[in-house]
Amino acid sequence: MNWLSKLVDNASNYFAHRKGLLPMLGILLVIINFTLPFLGFSLDGFLVASNLFLHLGVIVAIFGFMLAWAL
């Protein structure tokens, strides 16, 4: 469990100086989800039908906002 503590400590130090990185990544994932149907992926595809990047983007952005507020 010492490795997990060290990982969380390193991650918090990294994101403390880059508070907007996770929200920007989340917004980028939402934009990717919006553009996938226009890039030629069929509507039967898993990524388009499930809105995978939309859900991941929203989760990452909310987590980024919460982490930035805490740091």
C-alpha atoms as a PDB file:
ATOM      1  CA  MET A   1       0.000   0.000   0.000  1.00  0.00           C
ATOM      2  CA  ASN A   2       3.021   2.254   0.226  1.00  0.00           C
ATOM      3  CA  TRP A   3       3.161   2.435  -3.575  1.00  0.00           C
ATOM      4  CA  LEU A   4      -0.435   3.679  -3.684  1.00  0.00           C
ATOM      5  CA  SER A   5       0.323   6.427  -1.189  1.00  0.00           C
ATOM      6  CA  LYS A   6       3.356   7.462  -3.213  1.00  0.00           C
ATOM      7  CA  LEU A   7       1.317   7.405  -6.448  1.00  0.00           C
ATOM      8  CA  VAL A   8      -1.393   9.645  -4.976  1.00  0.00           C
ATOM      9  CA  ASP A   9       1.239  12.004  -3.578  1.00  0.00           C
ATOM     10  CA  ASN A  10       3.011  12.276  -6.936  1.00  0.00           C
ATOM     11  CA  ALA A  11      -0.280  12.770  -8.786  1.00  0.00           C
ATOM     12  CA  SER A  12      -1.394  15.530  -6.414  1.00  0.00           C
ATOM     13  CA  ASN A  13       1.956  17.300  -6.811  1.00  0.00           C
ATOM     14  CA  TYR A  14       1.698  17.019 -10.598  1.00  0.00           C
ATOM     15  CA  PHE A  15      -1.877  18.306 -10.835  1.00  0.00           C
ATOM     16  CA  ALA A  16      -1.336  21.082  -8.278  1.00  0.00           C
ATOM     17  CA  HIS A  17       0.590  23.047 -10.904  1.00  0.00           C
ATOM     18  CA  ARG A  18      -1.694  22.012 -13.795  1.00  0.00           C
ATOM     19  CA  LYS A  19      -5.178  22.637 -12.424  1.00  0.00           C
ATOM     20  CA  GLY A  20      -6.838  23.010 -15.801  1.00  0.00           C
ATOM     21  CA  LEU A  21      -5.403  19.899 -17.426  1.00  0.00           C
ATOM     22  CA  LEU A  22      -8.131  17.414 -16.460  1.00  0.00           C
ATOM     23  CA  PRO A  23     -11.073  19.725 -17.277  1.00  0.00           C
ATOM     24  CA  MET A  24      -9.496  20.535 -20.649  1.00  0.00           C
ATOM     25  CA  LEU A  25      -8.991  16.818 -21.311  1.00  0.00           C
ATOM     26  CA  GLY A  26     -12.642  16.203 -20.417  1.00  0.00           C
ATOM     27  CA  ILE A  27     -13.803  18.938 -22.788  1.00  0.00           C
ATOM     28  CA  LEU A  28     -11.596  17.465 -25.518  1.00  0.00           C
ATOM     29  CA  LEU A  29     -13.195  14.039 -25.017  1.00  0.00           C
ATOM     30  CA  VAL A  30     -16.680  15.574 -25.293  1.00  0.00           C
ATOM     31  CA  ILE A  31     -15.680  17.324 -28.541  1.00  0.00           C
ATOM     32  CA  ILE A  32     -14.271  14.052 -29.888  1.00  0.00           C
ATOM     33  CA  ASN A  33     -17.573  12.357 -29.069  1.00  0.00           C
ATOM     34  CA  PHE A  34     -19.427  15.079 -30.957  1.00  0.00           C
ATOM     35  CA  THR A  35     -17.268  14.748 -34.073  1.00  0.00           C
ATOM     36  CA  LEU A  36     -17.145  10.932 -34.300  1.00  0.00           C
ATOM     37  CA  PRO A  37     -20.401  10.553 -36.285  1.00  0.00           C
ATOM     38  CA  PHE A  38     -19.187  13.115 -38.829  1.00  0.00           C
ATOM     39  CA  LEU A  39     -15.851  11.383 -39.396  1.00  0.00           C
ATOM     40  CA  GLY A  40     -17.364   8.368 -41.097  1.00  0.00           C
ATOM     41  CA  PHE A  41     -17.921   6.048 -38.176  1.00  0.00           C
ATOM     42  CA  SER A  42     -21.169   4.200 -38.633  1.00  0.00           C
ATOM     43  CA  LEU A  43     -24.050   4.585 -36.249  1.00  0.00           C
ATOM     44  CA  ASP A  44     -23.724   0.887 -35.459  1.00  0.00           C
ATOM     45  CA  GLY A  45     -20.263   1.402 -33.967  1.00  0.00           C
ATOM     46  CA  PHE A  46     -19.777   0.923 -30.245  1.00  0.00           C
ATOM     47  CA  LEU A  47     -18.127   4.308 -29.662  1.00  0.00           C
ATOM     48  CA  VAL A  48     -20.896   6.247 -31.361  1.00  0.00           C
ATOM     49  CA  ALA A  49     -23.808   4.214 -30.037  1.00  0.00           C
ATOM     50  CA  SER A  50     -22.662   4.215 -26.423  1.00  0.00           C
ATOM     51  CA  ASN A  51     -21.343   7.811 -26.291  1.00  0.00           C
ATOM     52  CA  LEU A  52     -18.302   6.437 -24.512  1.00  0.00           C
ATOM     53  CA  PHE A  53     -16.164   9.554 -24.937  1.00  0.00           C
ATOM     54  CA  LEU A  54     -19.019  11.777 -23.754  1.00  0.00           C
ATOM     55  CA  HIS A  55     -19.366   9.877 -20.503  1.00  0.00           C
ATOM     56  CA  LEU A  56     -15.618   9.655 -19.939  1.00  0.00           C
ATOM     57  CA  GLY A  57     -15.216  13.351 -20.719  1.00  0.00           C
ATOM     58  CA  VAL A  58     -17.872  14.435 -18.256  1.00  0.00           C
ATOM     59  CA  ILE A  59     -16.437  12.215 -15.506  1.00  0.00           C
ATOM     60  CA  VAL A  60     -12.870  13.430 -16.124  1.00  0.00           C
ATOM     61  CA  ALA A  61     -13.947  17.091 -16.226  1.00  0.00           C
ATOM     62  CA  ILE A  62     -15.960  16.871 -13.006  1.00  0.00           C
ATOM     63  CA  PHE A  63     -13.101  15.030 -11.292  1.00  0.00           C
ATOM     64  CA  GLY A  64     -10.692  17.696 -12.559  1.00  0.00           C
ATOM     65  CA  PHE A  65     -12.840  20.521 -11.189  1.00  0.00           C
ATOM     66  CA  MET A  66     -13.143  18.806  -7.817  1.00  0.00           C
ATOM     67  CA  LEU A  67      -9.402  18.128  -7.675  1.00  0.00           C
ATOM     68  CA  ALA A  68      -8.524  21.694  -8.680  1.00  0.00           C
ATOM     69  CA  TRP A  69     -10.813  23.068  -6.015  1.00  0.00           C
ATOM     70  CA  ALA A  70      -9.263  20.822  -3.361  1.00  0.00           C
ATOM     71  CA  LEU A  71      -5.696  21.715  -4.341  1.00  0.00           C
END
